[in-house]
Amino acid sequence: MKFLVTGGAGFIGSHLVDRLIRNGNQVSIIDNLSTGKETNINKNAKFYKLGIEETQVEEVFKKENPDCIFHLAAQSQVKKSIDEPILDATTNILGTLNLLALSLKYSAIGGKIKKFVFASSGGVMYGNTLKPAVEEKTPNPISPYGISKLTGEQYIKFYGTQYGLSYSILRYSNVYGPRQDPYGEAGVVSIFTNHMLKNEECILYGFGEPIRDYINVVDVVQANILAISSSNNQILNIGTGIPASVNQLFELMKIITGYSLKPIYQPLRKGELNKNFLNSNKAQKLLDWKPKVSLKDGIEQTINWFKKNIGSVK
């Protein structure tokens, strides 16, 4: 099959591209490299340096004629979405609409878009949760980033209902693993790993109390692969359902790395949640999927990768 992966030079997208190519597929990548890295790009994929909102994206559809779209490209920084909501909406809403319109257009004129798989966010969609969030919970995003992701979901559902576009919406929890950028608003696992290996101080926002659902990128990629041929027109949580506090994560990583510095505690930042974890029973049933990488094993693998690549991670 022929796949188009937006954000294919990014953390999750590059792992997905690698898996698709290992499975014998042809893959094209659209990525503007705002956060993605050229070093992540699989040499067997065709790469187009473009923003998903750009008109030139149509040329990729014409040339590559993909069977399936994996849409992972996004402006994903919560703080940036608060500071620059128009930029956030341009990428996450208008960019998604551009891809949907082109998917419809090239299906209508003899193309073969069989599936549109969208990377959404369970971490921002449900707001604070007291128990594992289910897909039926009323969305309650508290940042422009979350609002733009929800809007993208709504447009995808509209294209599914109105035009028959087959889709799967996957709401990830907190994804971690090799290649995750340890700078800016990156995932806390990569940030802690980077600081611990350099023996630098770690800041624990919310005084280390926020609860998250940490899922390994390998499990996320597997959910995407399974979504190609199942779960049509469904919204699915992709998480472990196992809550872990930032303090618990810090202590686990401290043991694995041999880190000895004390944490620096600070209040929670704007737009961040106190408690969020997901119920993924629906995905387990419809995709025949379940997370297989334990937090301890996943953290060890991630730390080992950073040890080998810390000099090139910039």
C-alpha atoms as a PDB file:
ATOM      1  CA  MET A   1       0.000   0.000   0.000  1.00  0.00           C
ATOM      2  CA  LYS A   2       0.933   3.664  -0.377  1.00  0.00           C
ATOM      3  CA  PHE A   3       0.811   5.826   2.731  1.00  0.00           C
ATOM      4  CA  LEU A   4       1.129   9.552   3.352  1.00  0.00           C
ATOM      5  CA  VAL A   5       2.311  10.449   6.865  1.00  0.00           C
ATOM      6  CA  THR A   6       2.109  14.079   7.936  1.00  0.00           C
ATOM      7  CA  GLY A   7       4.587  14.839  10.696  1.00  0.00           C
ATOM      8  CA  GLY A   8       6.654  11.873   9.542  1.00  0.00           C
ATOM      9  CA  ALA A   9       9.915  13.525  10.622  1.00  0.00           C
ATOM     10  CA  GLY A  10       8.615  13.921  14.166  1.00  0.00           C
ATOM     11  CA  PHE A  11       8.887  11.707  17.229  1.00  0.00           C
ATOM     12  CA  ILE A  12       5.823   9.483  16.771  1.00  0.00           C
ATOM     13  CA  GLY A  13       5.503   9.942  13.016  1.00  0.00           C
ATOM     14  CA  SER A  14       9.044   8.752  12.268  1.00  0.00           C
ATOM     15  CA  HIS A  15       8.494   5.563  14.251  1.00  0.00           C
ATOM     16  CA  LEU A  16       5.280   4.968  12.310  1.00  0.00           C
ATOM     17  CA  VAL A  17       7.060   5.568   8.986  1.00  0.00           C
ATOM     18  CA  ASP A  18       9.786   3.083   9.934  1.00  0.00           C
ATOM     19  CA  ARG A  19       7.184   0.444  10.789  1.00  0.00           C
ATOM     20  CA  LEU A  20       5.211   0.980   7.568  1.00  0.00           C
ATOM     21  CA  ILE A  21       8.370   0.647   5.474  1.00  0.00           C
ATOM     22  CA  ARG A  22       9.482  -2.477   7.357  1.00  0.00           C
ATOM     23  CA  ASN A  23       6.074  -3.925   6.466  1.00  0.00           C
ATOM     24  CA  GLY A  24       6.853  -3.426   2.768  1.00  0.00           C
ATOM     25  CA  ASN A  25       4.793  -0.298   2.079  1.00  0.00           C
ATOM     26  CA  GLN A  26       5.588   2.860   0.102  1.00  0.00           C
ATOM     27  CA  VAL A  27       5.598   5.958   2.311  1.00  0.00           C
ATOM     28  CA  SER A  28       5.596   9.685   1.632  1.00  0.00           C
ATOM     29  CA  ILE A  29       6.190  12.277   4.353  1.00  0.00           C
ATOM     30  CA  ILE A  30       4.959  15.848   4.694  1.00  0.00           C
ATOM     31  CA  ASP A  31       6.724  17.788   7.453  1.00  0.00           C
ATOM     32  CA  ASN A  32       7.808  21.425   7.706  1.00  0.00           C
ATOM     33  CA  LEU A  33      10.578  20.491  10.180  1.00  0.00           C
ATOM     34  CA  SER A  34       9.381  23.070  12.710  1.00  0.00           C
ATOM     35  CA  THR A  35       9.789  20.369  15.348  1.00  0.00           C
ATOM     36  CA  GLY A  36      10.585  17.311  13.233  1.00  0.00           C
ATOM     37  CA  LYS A  37      14.194  16.437  12.404  1.00  0.00           C
ATOM     38  CA  GLU A  38      15.861  15.445   9.159  1.00  0.00           C
ATOM     39  CA  THR A  39      17.784  12.775  11.054  1.00  0.00           C
ATOM     40  CA  ASN A  40      14.475  11.048  11.823  1.00  0.00           C
ATOM     41  CA  ILE A  41      13.496  10.683   8.165  1.00  0.00           C
ATOM     42  CA  ASN A  42      13.650   7.141   6.831  1.00  0.00           C
ATOM     43  CA  LYS A  43      15.886   7.064   3.753  1.00  0.00           C
ATOM     44  CA  ASN A  44      13.353   4.864   1.937  1.00  0.00           C
ATOM     45  CA  ALA A  45      10.527   7.397   2.306  1.00  0.00           C
ATOM     46  CA  LYS A  46       9.815  10.288  -0.037  1.00  0.00           C
ATOM     47  CA  PHE A  47      10.069  13.560   1.856  1.00  0.00           C
ATOM     48  CA  TYR A  48       8.284  16.844   1.138  1.00  0.00           C
ATOM     49  CA  LYS A  49       9.206  19.840   3.264  1.00  0.00           C
ATOM     50  CA  LEU A  50       5.798  21.510   3.526  1.00  0.00           C
ATOM     51  CA  GLY A  51       3.343  22.793   6.083  1.00  0.00           C
ATOM     52  CA  ILE A  52       0.049  20.909   5.953  1.00  0.00           C
ATOM     53  CA  GLU A  53      -1.843  24.190   5.426  1.00  0.00           C
ATOM     54  CA  GLU A  54       0.114  25.032   2.267  1.00  0.00           C
ATOM     55  CA  THR A  55      -1.472  24.822  -1.201  1.00  0.00           C
ATOM     56  CA  GLN A  56       1.531  22.845  -2.494  1.00  0.00           C
ATOM     57  CA  VAL A  57       0.296  19.841  -0.521  1.00  0.00           C
ATOM     58  CA  GLU A  58      -2.024  19.109  -3.442  1.00  0.00           C
ATOM     59  CA  GLU A  59       0.998  18.317  -5.609  1.00  0.00           C
ATOM     60  CA  VAL A  60       1.914  15.531  -3.174  1.00  0.00           C
ATOM     61  CA  PHE A  61      -1.560  14.004  -3.515  1.00  0.00           C
ATOM     62  CA  LYS A  62      -1.316  14.213  -7.316  1.00  0.00           C
ATOM     63  CA  LYS A  63       2.122  12.658  -7.457  1.00  0.00           C
ATOM     64  CA  GLU A  64       1.908  10.013  -4.724  1.00  0.00           C
ATOM     65  CA  ASN A  65      -1.763   8.951  -4.947  1.00  0.00           C
ATOM     66  CA  PRO A  66      -1.813   7.511  -1.395  1.00  0.00           C
ATOM     67  CA  ASP A  67      -4.165   4.780  -0.225  1.00  0.00           C
ATOM     68  CA  CYS A  68      -4.209   5.972   3.383  1.00  0.00           C
ATOM     69  CA  ILE A  69      -3.423   9.175   5.281  1.00  0.00           C
ATOM     70  CA  PHE A  70      -1.860   9.214   8.729  1.00  0.00           C
ATOM     71  CA  HIS A  71      -2.258  12.771   9.993  1.00  0.00           C
ATOM     72  CA  LEU A  72       0.163  13.372  12.871  1.00  0.00           C
ATOM     73  CA  ALA A  73       1.489  16.851  12.010  1.00  0.00           C
ATOM     74  CA  ALA A  74       0.406  19.493  14.520  1.00  0.00           C
ATOM     75  CA  GLN A  75       1.326  22.532  16.528  1.00  0.00           C
ATOM     76  CA  SER A  76       1.362  20.615  19.805  1.00  0.00           C
ATOM     77  CA  GLN A  77       2.803  23.022  22.366  1.00  0.00           C
ATOM     78  CA  VAL A  78       0.170  24.069  24.897  1.00  0.00           C
ATOM     79  CA  LYS A  79       1.957  27.255  25.935  1.00  0.00           C
ATOM     80  CA  LYS A  80       2.493  28.292  22.328  1.00  0.00           C
ATOM     81  CA  SER A  81      -1.185  27.729  21.604  1.00  0.00           C
ATOM     82  CA  ILE A  82      -2.049  30.059  24.478  1.00  0.00           C
ATOM     83  CA  ASP A  83       0.423  32.703  23.329  1.00  0.00           C
ATOM     84  CA  GLU A  84      -0.325  32.327  19.598  1.00  0.00           C
ATOM     85  CA  PRO A  85      -3.819  30.851  19.128  1.00  0.00           C
ATOM     86  CA  ILE A  86      -4.065  32.015  15.490  1.00  0.00           C
ATOM     87  CA  LEU A  87      -0.887  30.122  14.597  1.00  0.00           C
ATOM     88  CA  ASP A  88      -2.226  27.089  16.441  1.00  0.00           C
ATOM     89  CA  ALA A  89      -5.531  27.227  14.555  1.00  0.00           C
ATOM     90  CA  THR A  90      -3.832  27.783  11.202  1.00  0.00           C
ATOM     91  CA  THR A  91      -1.837  24.580  11.533  1.00  0.00           C
ATOM     92  CA  ASN A  92      -4.218  22.351  13.445  1.00  0.00           C
ATOM     93  CA  ILE A  93      -7.575  23.410  12.003  1.00  0.00           C
ATOM     94  CA  LEU A  94      -6.872  24.845   8.542  1.00  0.00           C
ATOM     95  CA  GLY A  95      -4.119  22.288   7.944  1.00  0.00           C
ATOM     96  CA  THR A  96      -6.457  19.422   8.799  1.00  0.00           C
ATOM     97  CA  LEU A  97      -9.176  20.886   6.582  1.00  0.00           C
ATOM     98  CA  ASN A  98      -6.703  21.133   3.716  1.00  0.00           C
ATOM     99  CA  LEU A  99      -5.868  17.435   4.042  1.00  0.00           C
ATOM    100  CA  LEU A 100      -9.527  16.453   4.304  1.00  0.00           C
ATOM    101  CA  ALA A 101     -10.503  18.471   1.244  1.00  0.00           C
ATOM    102  CA  LEU A 102      -7.679  16.942  -0.789  1.00  0.00           C
ATOM    103  CA  SER A 103      -8.543  13.439   0.420  1.00  0.00           C
ATOM    104  CA  LEU A 104     -12.084  13.954  -0.766  1.00  0.00           C
ATOM    105  CA  LYS A 105     -11.053  15.558  -4.055  1.00  0.00           C
ATOM    106  CA  TYR A 106      -8.640  12.819  -5.053  1.00  0.00           C
ATOM    107  CA  SER A 107     -11.025  10.077  -4.002  1.00  0.00           C
ATOM    108  CA  ALA A 108     -13.728  11.681  -6.171  1.00  0.00           C
ATOM    109  CA  ILE A 109     -11.539  11.873  -9.280  1.00  0.00           C
ATOM    110  CA  GLY A 110     -10.322   8.313  -9.249  1.00  0.00           C
ATOM    111  CA  GLY A 111      -8.027   8.266  -6.238  1.00  0.00           C
ATOM    112  CA  LYS A 112      -8.282   5.664  -3.546  1.00  0.00           C
ATOM    113  CA  ILE A 113      -8.110   7.204  -0.075  1.00  0.00           C
ATOM    114  CA  LYS A 114      -9.241   4.215   1.959  1.00  0.00           C
ATOM    115  CA  LYS A 115      -8.631   5.635   5.415  1.00  0.00           C
ATOM    116  CA  PHE A 116      -7.841   8.886   7.229  1.00  0.00           C
ATOM    117  CA  VAL A 117      -6.208   8.182  10.601  1.00  0.00           C
ATOM    118  CA  PHE A 118      -5.968  11.214  12.876  1.00  0.00           C
ATOM    119  CA  ALA A 119      -3.659  11.627  15.862  1.00  0.00           C
ATOM    120  CA  SER A 120      -5.693  13.405  18.512  1.00  0.00           C
ATOM    121  CA  SER A 121      -4.975  13.921  22.196  1.00  0.00           C
ATOM    122  CA  GLY A 122      -6.676  12.314  25.157  1.00  0.00           C
ATOM    123  CA  GLY A 123      -4.313  14.298  27.324  1.00  0.00           C
ATOM    124  CA  VAL A 124      -6.022  17.582  26.435  1.00  0.00           C
ATOM    125  CA  MET A 125      -9.453  16.436  25.284  1.00  0.00           C
ATOM    126  CA  TYR A 126     -11.035  15.468  28.607  1.00  0.00           C
ATOM    127  CA  GLY A 127      -9.611  18.028  30.993  1.00  0.00           C
ATOM    128  CA  ASN A 128      -8.990  16.848  34.540  1.00  0.00           C
ATOM    129  CA  THR A 129     -10.331  13.348  35.223  1.00  0.00           C
ATOM    130  CA  LEU A 130     -11.064  11.603  38.507  1.00  0.00           C
ATOM    131  CA  LYS A 131     -11.207   8.165  36.850  1.00  0.00           C
ATOM    132  CA  PRO A 132      -9.997   6.793  33.508  1.00  0.00           C
ATOM    133  CA  ALA A 133     -11.687   8.885  30.821  1.00  0.00           C
ATOM    134  CA  VAL A 134     -13.882   7.120  28.285  1.00  0.00           C
ATOM    135  CA  GLU A 135     -14.553   8.311  24.741  1.00  0.00           C
ATOM    136  CA  GLU A 136     -18.142   9.216  25.599  1.00  0.00           C
ATOM    137  CA  LYS A 137     -17.033  11.770  28.169  1.00  0.00           C
ATOM    138  CA  THR A 138     -17.936  15.291  27.082  1.00  0.00           C
ATOM    139  CA  PRO A 139     -14.755  16.936  25.737  1.00  0.00           C
ATOM    140  CA  ASN A 140     -13.447  19.693  27.968  1.00  0.00           C
ATOM    141  CA  PRO A 141     -10.217  21.101  26.478  1.00  0.00           C
ATOM    142  CA  ILE A 142      -8.763  23.995  28.486  1.00  0.00           C
ATOM    143  CA  SER A 143      -6.191  25.258  25.969  1.00  0.00           C
ATOM    144  CA  PRO A 144      -6.346  26.453  22.341  1.00  0.00           C
ATOM    145  CA  TYR A 145      -4.332  23.368  21.421  1.00  0.00           C
ATOM    146  CA  GLY A 146      -7.045  21.132  22.860  1.00  0.00           C
ATOM    147  CA  ILE A 147      -9.749  23.220  21.198  1.00  0.00           C
ATOM    148  CA  SER A 148      -8.032  22.917  17.815  1.00  0.00           C
ATOM    149  CA  LYS A 149      -7.688  19.153  18.189  1.00  0.00           C
ATOM    150  CA  LEU A 150     -11.381  18.840  19.038  1.00  0.00           C
ATOM    151  CA  THR A 151     -12.283  21.035  16.067  1.00  0.00           C
ATOM    152  CA  GLY A 152     -10.176  18.801  13.822  1.00  0.00           C
ATOM    153  CA  GLU A 153     -12.062  15.778  15.119  1.00  0.00           C
ATOM    154  CA  GLN A 154     -15.392  17.445  14.377  1.00  0.00           C
ATOM    155  CA  TYR A 155     -14.397  18.252  10.801  1.00  0.00           C
ATOM    156  CA  ILE A 156     -13.221  14.679  10.263  1.00  0.00           C
ATOM    157  CA  LYS A 157     -16.543  13.350  11.525  1.00  0.00           C
ATOM    158  CA  PHE A 158     -18.345  15.774   9.214  1.00  0.00           C
ATOM    159  CA  TYR A 159     -16.387  14.517   6.195  1.00  0.00           C
ATOM    160  CA  GLY A 160     -17.181  10.974   7.261  1.00  0.00           C
ATOM    161  CA  THR A 161     -20.904  11.600   7.590  1.00  0.00           C
ATOM    162  CA  GLN A 162     -21.334  13.969   4.644  1.00  0.00           C
ATOM    163  CA  TYR A 163     -18.940  12.442   2.108  1.00  0.00           C
ATOM    164  CA  GLY A 164     -18.295   8.894   3.289  1.00  0.00           C
ATOM    165  CA  LEU A 165     -14.627   9.377   4.126  1.00  0.00           C
ATOM    166  CA  SER A 166     -13.526   6.469   6.295  1.00  0.00           C
ATOM    167  CA  TYR A 167     -11.577   7.556   9.376  1.00  0.00           C
ATOM    168  CA  SER A 168     -10.197   6.569  12.748  1.00  0.00           C
ATOM    169  CA  ILE A 169      -9.494   9.128  15.463  1.00  0.00           C
ATOM    170  CA  LEU A 170      -6.908   8.003  17.999  1.00  0.00           C
ATOM    171  CA  ARG A 171      -6.680   9.985  21.221  1.00  0.00           C
ATOM    172  CA  TYR A 172      -3.209   9.385  22.643  1.00  0.00           C
ATOM    173  CA  SER A 173      -2.285   9.708  26.278  1.00  0.00           C
ATOM    174  CA  ASN A 174       1.262  10.868  27.167  1.00  0.00           C
ATOM    175  CA  VAL A 175       3.530   9.230  24.604  1.00  0.00           C
ATOM    176  CA  TYR A 176       7.223   8.711  25.357  1.00  0.00           C
ATOM    177  CA  GLY A 177      10.163   6.879  23.864  1.00  0.00           C
ATOM    178  CA  PRO A 178      13.320   7.218  21.728  1.00  0.00           C
ATOM    179  CA  ARG A 179      13.631  10.318  19.489  1.00  0.00           C
ATOM    180  CA  GLN A 180      11.367  12.477  21.650  1.00  0.00           C
ATOM    181  CA  ASP A 181      12.679  16.029  21.734  1.00  0.00           C
ATOM    182  CA  PRO A 182      13.937  16.835  25.251  1.00  0.00           C
ATOM    183  CA  TYR A 183      13.626  20.591  24.807  1.00  0.00           C
ATOM    184  CA  GLY A 184      10.787  23.123  24.945  1.00  0.00           C
ATOM    185  CA  GLU A 185       7.465  21.581  25.966  1.00  0.00           C
ATOM    186  CA  ALA A 186       8.546  18.062  25.146  1.00  0.00           C
ATOM    187  CA  GLY A 187       7.348  15.069  27.125  1.00  0.00           C
ATOM    188  CA  VAL A 188       8.505  14.941  30.709  1.00  0.00           C
ATOM    189  CA  VAL A 189      10.213  11.568  30.192  1.00  0.00           C
ATOM    190  CA  SER A 190      12.601  12.963  27.581  1.00  0.00           C
ATOM    191  CA  ILE A 191      13.141  16.162  29.575  1.00  0.00           C
ATOM    192  CA  PHE A 192      14.015  14.263  32.762  1.00  0.00           C
ATOM    193  CA  THR A 193      16.224  11.829  30.834  1.00  0.00           C
ATOM    194  CA  ASN A 194      18.189  14.642  29.251  1.00  0.00           C
ATOM    195  CA  HIS A 195      18.684  16.474  32.551  1.00  0.00           C
ATOM    196  CA  MET A 196      19.511  13.367  34.555  1.00  0.00           C
ATOM    197  CA  LEU A 197      22.120  12.132  32.087  1.00  0.00           C
ATOM    198  CA  LYS A 198      23.731  15.587  32.124  1.00  0.00           C
ATOM    199  CA  ASN A 199      23.413  15.788  35.919  1.00  0.00           C
ATOM    200  CA  GLU A 200      21.282  18.922  35.657  1.00  0.00           C
ATOM    201  CA  GLU A 201      18.410  19.942  37.934  1.00  0.00           C
ATOM    202  CA  CYS A 202      14.912  18.649  37.111  1.00  0.00           C
ATOM    203  CA  ILE A 203      11.881  20.906  37.557  1.00  0.00           C
ATOM    204  CA  LEU A 204       8.697  19.180  38.705  1.00  0.00           C
ATOM    205  CA  TYR A 205       5.719  21.392  37.928  1.00  0.00           C
ATOM    206  CA  GLY A 206       2.624  21.103  40.098  1.00  0.00           C
ATOM    207  CA  PHE A 207       5.042  20.022  42.849  1.00  0.00           C
ATOM    208  CA  GLY A 208       5.269  16.605  41.157  1.00  0.00           C
ATOM    209  CA  GLU A 209       1.663  15.759  41.958  1.00  0.00           C
ATOM    210  CA  PRO A 210       0.037  15.778  38.464  1.00  0.00           C
ATOM    211  CA  ILE A 211      -1.147  12.352  37.328  1.00  0.00           C
ATOM    212  CA  ARG A 212      -0.520  11.167  33.770  1.00  0.00           C
ATOM    213  CA  ASP A 213      -0.960   8.059  31.614  1.00  0.00           C
ATOM    214  CA  TYR A 214       2.426   7.245  30.040  1.00  0.00           C
ATOM    215  CA  ILE A 215       2.354   5.070  26.918  1.00  0.00           C
ATOM    216  CA  ASN A 216       5.310   3.885  24.883  1.00  0.00           C
ATOM    217  CA  VAL A 217       5.618   4.950  21.246  1.00  0.00           C
ATOM    218  CA  VAL A 218       5.844   1.286  20.161  1.00  0.00           C
ATOM    219  CA  ASP A 219       2.328   0.659  21.458  1.00  0.00           C
ATOM    220  CA  VAL A 220       1.029   3.834  19.809  1.00  0.00           C
ATOM    221  CA  VAL A 221       2.478   2.797  16.445  1.00  0.00           C
ATOM    222  CA  GLN A 222       0.851  -0.610  16.749  1.00  0.00           C
ATOM    223  CA  ALA A 223      -2.546   1.025  17.348  1.00  0.00           C
ATOM    224  CA  ASN A 224      -2.081   3.091  14.184  1.00  0.00           C
ATOM    225  CA  ILE A 225      -1.169   0.021  12.135  1.00  0.00           C
ATOM    226  CA  LEU A 226      -4.252  -1.846  13.342  1.00  0.00           C
ATOM    227  CA  ALA A 227      -6.457   1.162  12.569  1.00  0.00           C
ATOM    228  CA  ILE A 228      -5.686   0.841   8.847  1.00  0.00           C
ATOM    229  CA  SER A 229      -8.134  -2.003   8.403  1.00  0.00           C
ATOM    230  CA  SER A 230     -10.459  -1.732  11.399  1.00  0.00           C
ATOM    231  CA  SER A 231     -12.309   0.669  13.719  1.00  0.00           C
ATOM    232  CA  ASN A 232     -13.879   2.607  10.846  1.00  0.00           C
ATOM    233  CA  ASN A 233     -15.422   5.933  11.896  1.00  0.00           C
ATOM    234  CA  GLN A 234     -14.531   5.498  15.550  1.00  0.00           C
ATOM    235  CA  ILE A 235     -12.872   7.607  18.237  1.00  0.00           C
ATOM    236  CA  LEU A 236     -10.516   5.504  20.343  1.00  0.00           C
ATOM    237  CA  ASN A 237      -8.430   6.235  23.428  1.00  0.00           C
ATOM    238  CA  ILE A 238      -4.863   4.951  23.176  1.00  0.00           C
ATOM    239  CA  GLY A 239      -3.445   4.753  26.679  1.00  0.00           C
ATOM    240  CA  THR A 240      -2.542   2.342  29.448  1.00  0.00           C
ATOM    241  CA  GLY A 241      -5.203   3.356  31.956  1.00  0.00           C
ATOM    242  CA  ILE A 242      -2.497   3.205  34.628  1.00  0.00           C
ATOM    243  CA  PRO A 243      -2.004   6.514  36.459  1.00  0.00           C
ATOM    244  CA  ALA A 244       1.449   7.634  37.524  1.00  0.00           C
ATOM    245  CA  SER A 245       2.389  10.882  39.215  1.00  0.00           C
ATOM    246  CA  VAL A 246       5.321  12.988  38.070  1.00  0.00           C
ATOM    247  CA  ASN A 247       6.914  12.259  41.450  1.00  0.00           C
ATOM    248  CA  GLN A 248       6.603   8.502  40.823  1.00  0.00           C
ATOM    249  CA  LEU A 249       8.079   8.902  37.367  1.00  0.00           C
ATOM    250  CA  PHE A 250      10.960  10.974  38.739  1.00  0.00           C
ATOM    251  CA  GLU A 251      11.788   8.381  41.392  1.00  0.00           C
ATOM    252  CA  LEU A 252      11.719   5.532  38.861  1.00  0.00           C
ATOM    253  CA  MET A 253      13.993   7.391  36.464  1.00  0.00           C
ATOM    254  CA  LYS A 254      16.268   8.448  39.302  1.00  0.00           C
ATOM    255  CA  ILE A 255      16.890   4.801  40.203  1.00  0.00           C
ATOM    256  CA  ILE A 256      17.515   3.736  36.590  1.00  0.00           C
ATOM    257  CA  THR A 257      19.940   6.584  35.828  1.00  0.00           C
ATOM    258  CA  GLY A 258      21.637   6.799  39.227  1.00  0.00           C
ATOM    259  CA  TYR A 259      20.671  10.485  39.438  1.00  0.00           C
ATOM    260  CA  SER A 260      21.343  12.087  42.821  1.00  0.00           C
ATOM    261  CA  LEU A 261      20.134  15.708  42.649  1.00  0.00           C
ATOM    262  CA  LYS A 262      16.988  16.794  44.440  1.00  0.00           C
ATOM    263  CA  PRO A 263      13.995  17.915  42.355  1.00  0.00           C
ATOM    264  CA  ILE A 264      13.028  21.573  42.007  1.00  0.00           C
ATOM    265  CA  TYR A 265       9.332  22.038  42.698  1.00  0.00           C
ATOM    266  CA  GLN A 266       7.252  24.717  40.978  1.00  0.00           C
ATOM    267  CA  PRO A 267       3.512  25.440  40.588  1.00  0.00           C
ATOM    268  CA  LEU A 268       1.548  24.028  37.675  1.00  0.00           C
ATOM    269  CA  ARG A 269       1.836  26.040  34.455  1.00  0.00           C
ATOM    270  CA  LYS A 270      -1.052  27.628  32.547  1.00  0.00           C
ATOM    271  CA  GLY A 271      -3.189  25.203  30.580  1.00  0.00           C
ATOM    272  CA  GLU A 272      -1.778  22.100  32.246  1.00  0.00           C
ATOM    273  CA  LEU A 273      -3.854  19.411  33.955  1.00  0.00           C
ATOM    274  CA  ASN A 274      -3.683  17.990  37.459  1.00  0.00           C
ATOM    275  CA  LYS A 275      -4.963  14.501  36.668  1.00  0.00           C
ATOM    276  CA  ASN A 276      -5.549  12.769  33.366  1.00  0.00           C
ATOM    277  CA  PHE A 277      -5.535   9.103  32.339  1.00  0.00           C
ATOM    278  CA  LEU A 278      -7.499   7.085  29.809  1.00  0.00           C
ATOM    279  CA  ASN A 279      -9.728   4.039  29.554  1.00  0.00           C
ATOM    280  CA  SER A 280      -8.690   2.178  26.389  1.00  0.00           C
ATOM    281  CA  ASN A 281     -11.158  -0.738  26.585  1.00  0.00           C
ATOM    282  CA  LYS A 282     -12.821   0.339  23.344  1.00  0.00           C
ATOM    283  CA  ALA A 283      -9.529   0.220  21.436  1.00  0.00           C
ATOM    284  CA  GLN A 284      -8.698  -3.137  22.979  1.00  0.00           C
ATOM    285  CA  LYS A 285     -12.020  -4.505  21.724  1.00  0.00           C
ATOM    286  CA  LEU A 286     -12.257  -2.894  18.275  1.00  0.00           C
ATOM    287  CA  LEU A 287      -8.566  -2.983  17.341  1.00  0.00           C
ATOM    288  CA  ASP A 288      -7.647  -6.142  19.233  1.00  0.00           C
ATOM    289  CA  TRP A 289      -4.922  -3.977  20.733  1.00  0.00           C
ATOM    290  CA  LYS A 290      -3.458  -3.495  24.174  1.00  0.00           C
ATOM    291  CA  PRO A 291      -0.302  -1.811  25.451  1.00  0.00           C
ATOM    292  CA  LYS A 292       2.534  -4.285  25.917  1.00  0.00           C
ATOM    293  CA  VAL A 293       5.497  -2.154  27.049  1.00  0.00           C
ATOM    294  CA  SER A 294       5.618  -1.608  30.810  1.00  0.00           C
ATOM    295  CA  LEU A 295       6.595   1.812  32.113  1.00  0.00           C
ATOM    296  CA  LYS A 296       9.797   0.457  33.654  1.00  0.00           C
ATOM    297  CA  ASP A 297      10.884  -1.348  30.472  1.00  0.00           C
ATOM    298  CA  GLY A 298       9.935   1.604  28.290  1.00  0.00           C
ATOM    299  CA  ILE A 299      11.850   4.057  30.472  1.00  0.00           C
ATOM    300  CA  GLU A 300      14.940   1.839  30.424  1.00  0.00           C
ATOM    301  CA  GLN A 301      14.798   1.583  26.617  1.00  0.00           C
ATOM    302  CA  THR A 302      14.358   5.346  26.289  1.00  0.00           C
ATOM    303  CA  ILE A 303      17.244   6.128  28.631  1.00  0.00           C
ATOM    304  CA  ASN A 304      19.517   3.675  26.790  1.00  0.00           C
ATOM    305  CA  TRP A 305      18.662   5.364  23.481  1.00  0.00           C
ATOM    306  CA  PHE A 306      19.448   8.806  24.917  1.00  0.00           C
ATOM    307  CA  LYS A 307      22.763   7.539  26.278  1.00  0.00           C
ATOM    308  CA  LYS A 308      23.782   6.570  22.744  1.00  0.00           C
ATOM    309  CA  ASN A 309      22.352   9.652  21.045  1.00  0.00           C
ATOM    310  CA  ILE A 310      22.495  12.468  23.622  1.00  0.00           C
ATOM    311  CA  GLY A 311      25.131  14.363  21.654  1.00  0.00           C
ATOM    312  CA  SER A 312      22.985  14.495  18.524  1.00  0.00           C
ATOM    313  CA  VAL A 313      19.694  15.387  20.239  1.00  0.00           C
ATOM    314  CA  LYS A 314      19.373  19.156  19.735  1.00  0.00           C
END
